[in-house]
Amino acid sequence: MKKNNVHGGKGVEILTNSLEKSLLKQYKKGNKCGKIRKNLIASQYISNPLLLDMGNKFDFRIYFLIASVNPLIAFYHDGFAKSTLDKFDKFSTDKATHLSNTKVAAKLFE
C-alpha cells in the first residue's frame, strides 16, 4: 500500500494482517470506500516474482516515446536495472526485501 503523490519509497507499507484488519474496520469492509477522503494506492502483490540467481527481486527502467502509431515511430533510451538488497521473502515486512528503490537502499547505509 502506498500514499498517493510520494516517491522514493516514502509512504510504502507492507500490508500486514493487523493493518488489513484495521483498514477493513475503518472502511467498514468496503462500504466507506469513496466516502473517506484519503489518497491511497493498493495493489495486489506478485507472490512468486521472477528472481535473480541470488534470490533478490529486480526491475528494469527503460524509456520509450511513441511519437506516432501510423506509421509507427518510436524512440528508445537505455535505462537501468535495480535489485533489492535482501533476498526475497514474501512474509517479510522489511522494505529492503520488497523494494528496489535506491532511496530505500541509501537509508540502510546512513
N, C-alpha and C. Protein backbone atom coordinates (compact mmCIF):
# COMPACT_ATOMS: atom_id res chain seq x y z
N MET A 1 0.85 -1.16 0.00
CA MET A 1 0.00 0.00 0.00
C MET A 1 0.90 1.22 0.00
N LYS A 2 0.46 2.27 -0.69
CA LYS A 2 1.29 3.46 -0.85
C LYS A 2 0.43 4.70 -0.83
N LYS A 3 0.94 5.74 -0.21
CA LYS A 3 0.26 7.02 -0.26
C LYS A 3 0.44 7.61 -1.66
N ASN A 4 -0.55 8.36 -2.08
CA ASN A 4 -0.53 8.97 -3.40
C ASN A 4 0.44 10.16 -3.41
N ASN A 5 1.04 10.45 -4.55
CA ASN A 5 1.89 11.62 -4.77
C ASN A 5 3.17 11.62 -3.95
N VAL A 6 3.72 10.47 -3.65
CA VAL A 6 5.02 10.39 -2.98
C VAL A 6 5.92 9.46 -3.78
N HIS A 7 7.21 9.58 -3.57
CA HIS A 7 8.16 8.72 -4.28
C HIS A 7 9.35 8.44 -3.37
N GLY A 8 10.29 7.68 -3.86
CA GLY A 8 11.48 7.38 -3.09
C GLY A 8 11.25 6.40 -1.96
N GLY A 9 10.21 5.58 -2.08
CA GLY A 9 9.92 4.60 -1.03
C GLY A 9 9.15 5.17 0.14
N LYS A 10 8.88 6.48 0.12
CA LYS A 10 8.13 7.10 1.21
C LYS A 10 6.67 6.66 1.14
N GLY A 11 6.09 6.43 2.29
CA GLY A 11 4.67 6.10 2.35
C GLY A 11 4.32 4.67 1.98
N VAL A 12 5.30 3.86 1.62
CA VAL A 12 5.03 2.46 1.27
C VAL A 12 4.90 1.65 2.55
N GLU A 13 3.84 0.88 2.64
CA GLU A 13 3.63 0.00 3.78
C GLU A 13 3.31 -1.40 3.27
N ILE A 14 3.93 -2.38 3.89
CA ILE A 14 3.60 -3.77 3.60
C ILE A 14 2.32 -4.08 4.38
N LEU A 15 1.34 -4.59 3.70
CA LEU A 15 0.04 -4.84 4.34
C LEU A 15 0.12 -6.09 5.21
N THR A 16 0.23 -5.87 6.50
CA THR A 16 0.25 -6.97 7.47
C THR A 16 -1.19 -7.34 7.83
N ASN A 17 -1.35 -8.44 8.52
CA ASN A 17 -2.70 -8.86 8.95
C ASN A 17 -3.34 -7.81 9.84
N SER A 18 -2.56 -7.23 10.76
CA SER A 18 -3.14 -6.23 11.67
C SER A 18 -3.52 -4.95 10.93
N LEU A 19 -2.71 -4.52 9.95
CA LEU A 19 -3.05 -3.34 9.17
C LEU A 19 -4.28 -3.62 8.31
N GLU A 20 -4.36 -4.82 7.74
CA GLU A 20 -5.53 -5.18 6.95
C GLU A 20 -6.80 -5.13 7.79
N LYS A 21 -6.75 -5.70 9.00
CA LYS A 21 -7.91 -5.69 9.89
C LYS A 21 -8.31 -4.26 10.24
N SER A 22 -7.32 -3.42 10.49
CA SER A 22 -7.57 -2.02 10.82
C SER A 22 -8.26 -1.29 9.66
N LEU A 23 -7.76 -1.51 8.45
CA LEU A 23 -8.36 -0.87 7.28
C LEU A 23 -9.77 -1.38 7.00
N LEU A 24 -9.98 -2.69 7.17
CA LEU A 24 -11.32 -3.26 6.98
C LEU A 24 -12.32 -2.65 7.96
N LYS A 25 -11.85 -2.45 9.19
CA LYS A 25 -12.71 -1.84 10.21
C LYS A 25 -12.98 -0.37 9.88
N GLN A 26 -11.92 0.36 9.51
CA GLN A 26 -12.05 1.78 9.20
C GLN A 26 -12.96 2.01 8.00
N TYR A 27 -12.83 1.18 6.98
CA TYR A 27 -13.63 1.34 5.75
C TYR A 27 -14.90 0.50 5.76
N LYS A 28 -15.26 -0.04 6.91
CA LYS A 28 -16.49 -0.83 7.07
C LYS A 28 -16.61 -1.88 5.98
N LYS A 29 -15.50 -2.65 5.81
CA LYS A 29 -15.41 -3.72 4.81
C LYS A 29 -15.76 -3.25 3.40
N GLY A 30 -15.36 -2.04 3.07
CA GLY A 30 -15.53 -1.50 1.73
C GLY A 30 -16.70 -0.56 1.57
N ASN A 31 -17.60 -0.52 2.54
CA ASN A 31 -18.78 0.34 2.43
C ASN A 31 -18.47 1.83 2.53
N LYS A 32 -17.30 2.17 3.07
CA LYS A 32 -16.91 3.58 3.20
C LYS A 32 -15.96 4.02 2.09
N CYS A 33 -15.65 3.13 1.14
CA CYS A 33 -14.77 3.49 0.03
C CYS A 33 -15.38 4.65 -0.75
N GLY A 34 -14.59 5.66 -1.03
CA GLY A 34 -15.07 6.85 -1.73
C GLY A 34 -15.65 7.89 -0.80
N LYS A 35 -15.97 7.51 0.42
CA LYS A 35 -16.51 8.46 1.40
C LYS A 35 -15.42 8.97 2.32
N ILE A 36 -14.45 8.14 2.62
CA ILE A 36 -13.28 8.57 3.40
C ILE A 36 -12.28 9.14 2.41
N ARG A 37 -11.89 10.39 2.58
CA ARG A 37 -11.05 11.09 1.62
C ARG A 37 -9.57 10.92 1.95
N LYS A 38 -9.01 9.77 1.62
CA LYS A 38 -7.58 9.51 1.76
C LYS A 38 -7.05 9.07 0.41
N ASN A 39 -5.91 9.58 0.04
CA ASN A 39 -5.29 9.19 -1.23
C ASN A 39 -4.34 8.03 -0.99
N LEU A 40 -4.82 6.82 -1.19
CA LEU A 40 -4.02 5.61 -1.03
C LEU A 40 -4.07 4.80 -2.31
N ILE A 41 -2.97 4.10 -2.58
CA ILE A 41 -2.91 3.19 -3.71
C ILE A 41 -2.60 1.81 -3.15
N ALA A 42 -3.42 0.85 -3.46
CA ALA A 42 -3.17 -0.52 -3.05
C ALA A 42 -3.07 -1.38 -4.31
N SER A 43 -2.15 -2.29 -4.31
CA SER A 43 -2.01 -3.17 -5.47
C SER A 43 -1.80 -4.59 -5.00
N GLN A 44 -2.27 -5.51 -5.82
CA GLN A 44 -2.08 -6.92 -5.50
C GLN A 44 -0.62 -7.28 -5.72
N TYR A 45 -0.08 -8.01 -4.80
CA TYR A 45 1.33 -8.35 -4.81
C TYR A 45 1.57 -9.63 -5.60
N ILE A 46 2.62 -9.65 -6.38
CA ILE A 46 3.00 -10.88 -7.09
C ILE A 46 3.71 -11.76 -6.07
N SER A 47 3.11 -12.86 -5.72
CA SER A 47 3.65 -13.69 -4.63
C SER A 47 4.81 -14.58 -5.07
N ASN A 48 4.98 -14.77 -6.37
CA ASN A 48 6.08 -15.60 -6.85
C ASN A 48 6.83 -14.87 -7.98
N PRO A 49 7.48 -13.74 -7.67
CA PRO A 49 8.13 -12.95 -8.72
C PRO A 49 9.36 -13.66 -9.29
N LEU A 50 9.71 -13.26 -10.51
CA LEU A 50 10.96 -13.72 -11.10
C LEU A 50 12.11 -13.13 -10.28
N LEU A 51 13.07 -13.97 -9.88
CA LEU A 51 14.16 -13.52 -9.01
C LEU A 51 15.50 -13.69 -9.70
N LEU A 52 16.47 -12.92 -9.25
CA LEU A 52 17.85 -13.11 -9.70
C LEU A 52 18.39 -14.40 -9.11
N ASP A 53 19.56 -14.85 -9.58
CA ASP A 53 20.16 -16.08 -9.08
C ASP A 53 20.35 -16.07 -7.56
N MET A 54 20.57 -14.89 -6.99
CA MET A 54 20.81 -14.77 -5.55
C MET A 54 19.52 -14.76 -4.75
N GLY A 55 18.37 -14.76 -5.44
CA GLY A 55 17.09 -14.76 -4.75
C GLY A 55 16.53 -13.37 -4.50
N ASN A 56 17.10 -12.35 -5.13
CA ASN A 56 16.63 -10.98 -4.95
C ASN A 56 15.66 -10.59 -6.07
N LYS A 57 14.69 -9.72 -5.71
CA LYS A 57 13.80 -9.15 -6.72
C LYS A 57 14.57 -8.11 -7.51
N PHE A 58 14.07 -7.79 -8.71
CA PHE A 58 14.71 -6.78 -9.54
C PHE A 58 13.67 -6.14 -10.44
N ASP A 59 14.03 -5.01 -11.00
CA ASP A 59 13.19 -4.40 -12.02
C ASP A 59 14.06 -3.60 -12.97
N PHE A 60 13.49 -3.34 -14.13
CA PHE A 60 14.16 -2.56 -15.17
C PHE A 60 13.41 -1.24 -15.34
N ARG A 61 14.15 -0.19 -15.61
CA ARG A 61 13.53 1.07 -16.00
C ARG A 61 14.10 1.43 -17.36
N ILE A 62 13.23 1.41 -18.36
CA ILE A 62 13.64 1.78 -19.72
C ILE A 62 12.67 2.84 -20.21
N TYR A 63 13.07 3.58 -21.20
CA TYR A 63 12.29 4.71 -21.66
C TYR A 63 11.93 4.57 -23.14
N PHE A 64 10.64 4.74 -23.43
CA PHE A 64 10.13 4.73 -24.80
C PHE A 64 9.30 5.99 -25.02
N LEU A 65 9.38 6.52 -26.21
CA LEU A 65 8.48 7.59 -26.63
C LEU A 65 7.83 7.12 -27.92
N ILE A 66 6.53 6.98 -27.90
CA ILE A 66 5.79 6.63 -29.10
C ILE A 66 5.36 7.97 -29.73
N ALA A 67 6.03 8.34 -30.81
CA ALA A 67 5.74 9.62 -31.46
C ALA A 67 4.56 9.51 -32.41
N SER A 68 4.36 8.32 -32.98
CA SER A 68 3.26 8.10 -33.91
C SER A 68 2.94 6.62 -33.95
N VAL A 69 1.67 6.29 -34.18
CA VAL A 69 1.30 4.89 -34.32
C VAL A 69 1.01 4.52 -35.77
N ASN A 70 0.81 5.50 -36.62
CA ASN A 70 0.56 5.22 -38.04
C ASN A 70 1.18 6.31 -38.89
N PRO A 71 2.40 6.15 -39.34
CA PRO A 71 3.28 4.98 -39.19
C PRO A 71 3.87 4.95 -37.78
N LEU A 72 4.28 3.77 -37.38
CA LEU A 72 4.85 3.62 -36.05
C LEU A 72 6.22 4.29 -36.00
N ILE A 73 6.33 5.26 -35.11
CA ILE A 73 7.61 5.93 -34.86
C ILE A 73 7.83 5.90 -33.35
N ALA A 74 8.87 5.19 -32.94
CA ALA A 74 9.16 5.04 -31.52
C ALA A 74 10.63 5.33 -31.26
N PHE A 75 10.88 5.96 -30.14
CA PHE A 75 12.25 6.26 -29.72
C PHE A 75 12.52 5.51 -28.42
N TYR A 76 13.73 4.98 -28.31
CA TYR A 76 14.13 4.19 -27.15
C TYR A 76 15.36 4.82 -26.52
N HIS A 77 15.40 4.82 -25.21
CA HIS A 77 16.59 5.30 -24.49
C HIS A 77 16.93 4.27 -23.42
N ASP A 78 18.22 3.92 -23.35
CA ASP A 78 18.64 2.96 -22.33
C ASP A 78 18.25 3.43 -20.93
N GLY A 79 17.92 2.49 -20.12
CA GLY A 79 17.58 2.78 -18.73
C GLY A 79 18.56 2.08 -17.82
N PHE A 80 18.05 1.46 -16.78
CA PHE A 80 18.91 0.78 -15.82
C PHE A 80 18.13 -0.32 -15.13
N ALA A 81 18.85 -1.20 -14.46
CA ALA A 81 18.25 -2.28 -13.69
C ALA A 81 18.52 -2.03 -12.21
N LYS A 82 17.56 -2.40 -11.37
CA LYS A 82 17.72 -2.25 -9.92
C LYS A 82 17.41 -3.58 -9.26
N SER A 83 18.01 -3.79 -8.11
CA SER A 83 17.80 -5.02 -7.36
C SER A 83 17.54 -4.68 -5.90
N THR A 84 16.79 -5.54 -5.22
CA THR A 84 16.62 -5.37 -3.78
C THR A 84 17.91 -5.75 -3.08
N LEU A 85 18.10 -5.25 -1.86
CA LEU A 85 19.32 -5.56 -1.11
C LEU A 85 19.24 -6.91 -0.42
N ASP A 86 18.03 -7.30 -0.05
CA ASP A 86 17.84 -8.55 0.68
C ASP A 86 17.16 -9.59 -0.20
N LYS A 87 17.38 -10.85 0.13
CA LYS A 87 16.70 -11.94 -0.58
C LYS A 87 15.20 -11.82 -0.38
N PHE A 88 14.45 -12.24 -1.40
CA PHE A 88 13.00 -12.16 -1.36
C PHE A 88 12.43 -13.12 -0.34
N ASP A 89 11.52 -12.61 0.49
CA ASP A 89 10.75 -13.41 1.43
C ASP A 89 9.37 -12.78 1.50
N LYS A 90 8.37 -13.44 0.94
CA LYS A 90 7.04 -12.83 0.85
C LYS A 90 6.42 -12.56 2.21
N PHE A 91 6.95 -13.14 3.26
CA PHE A 91 6.40 -12.93 4.61
C PHE A 91 7.12 -11.80 5.35
N SER A 92 8.18 -11.28 4.78
CA SER A 92 8.95 -10.21 5.42
C SER A 92 8.19 -8.90 5.34
N THR A 93 8.31 -8.07 6.38
CA THR A 93 7.75 -6.72 6.36
C THR A 93 8.84 -5.68 6.17
N ASP A 94 10.05 -6.12 5.88
CA ASP A 94 11.19 -5.23 5.66
C ASP A 94 11.15 -4.70 4.23
N LYS A 95 11.16 -3.37 4.08
CA LYS A 95 11.09 -2.77 2.75
C LYS A 95 12.27 -3.17 1.87
N ALA A 96 13.44 -3.42 2.46
CA ALA A 96 14.63 -3.78 1.67
C ALA A 96 14.46 -5.13 0.99
N THR A 97 13.51 -5.92 1.43
CA THR A 97 13.22 -7.21 0.82
C THR A 97 12.31 -7.05 -0.40
N HIS A 98 11.47 -6.03 -0.39
CA HIS A 98 10.44 -5.89 -1.40
C HIS A 98 10.68 -4.76 -2.41
N LEU A 99 11.38 -3.71 -2.00
CA LEU A 99 11.54 -2.54 -2.86
C LEU A 99 12.96 -2.44 -3.40
N SER A 100 13.06 -2.18 -4.69
CA SER A 100 14.38 -1.99 -5.30
C SER A 100 14.71 -0.51 -5.42
N ASN A 101 14.06 0.28 -4.62
CA ASN A 101 14.21 1.73 -4.66
C ASN A 101 15.57 2.16 -4.13
N THR A 102 16.25 3.04 -4.86
CA THR A 102 17.59 3.48 -4.45
C THR A 102 17.54 4.31 -3.16
N LYS A 103 16.47 5.04 -2.92
CA LYS A 103 16.36 5.82 -1.69
C LYS A 103 16.25 4.90 -0.47
N VAL A 104 15.52 3.79 -0.61
CA VAL A 104 15.40 2.82 0.47
C VAL A 104 16.77 2.23 0.77
N ALA A 105 17.51 1.89 -0.27
CA ALA A 105 18.85 1.33 -0.09
C ALA A 105 19.79 2.32 0.58
N ALA A 106 19.74 3.57 0.19
CA ALA A 106 20.62 4.59 0.75
C ALA A 106 20.38 4.76 2.25
N LYS A 107 19.12 4.65 2.69
CA LYS A 107 18.78 4.80 4.11
C LYS A 107 19.44 3.72 4.96
N LEU A 108 19.62 2.54 4.38
CA LEU A 108 20.24 1.44 5.13
C LEU A 108 21.70 1.69 5.41
N PHE A 109 22.34 2.55 4.61
CA PHE A 109 23.77 2.81 4.76
C PHE A 109 24.05 4.12 5.49
N GLU A 110 23.02 4.81 5.94
CA GLU A 110 23.23 6.08 6.66
C GLU A 110 23.74 5.84 8.06
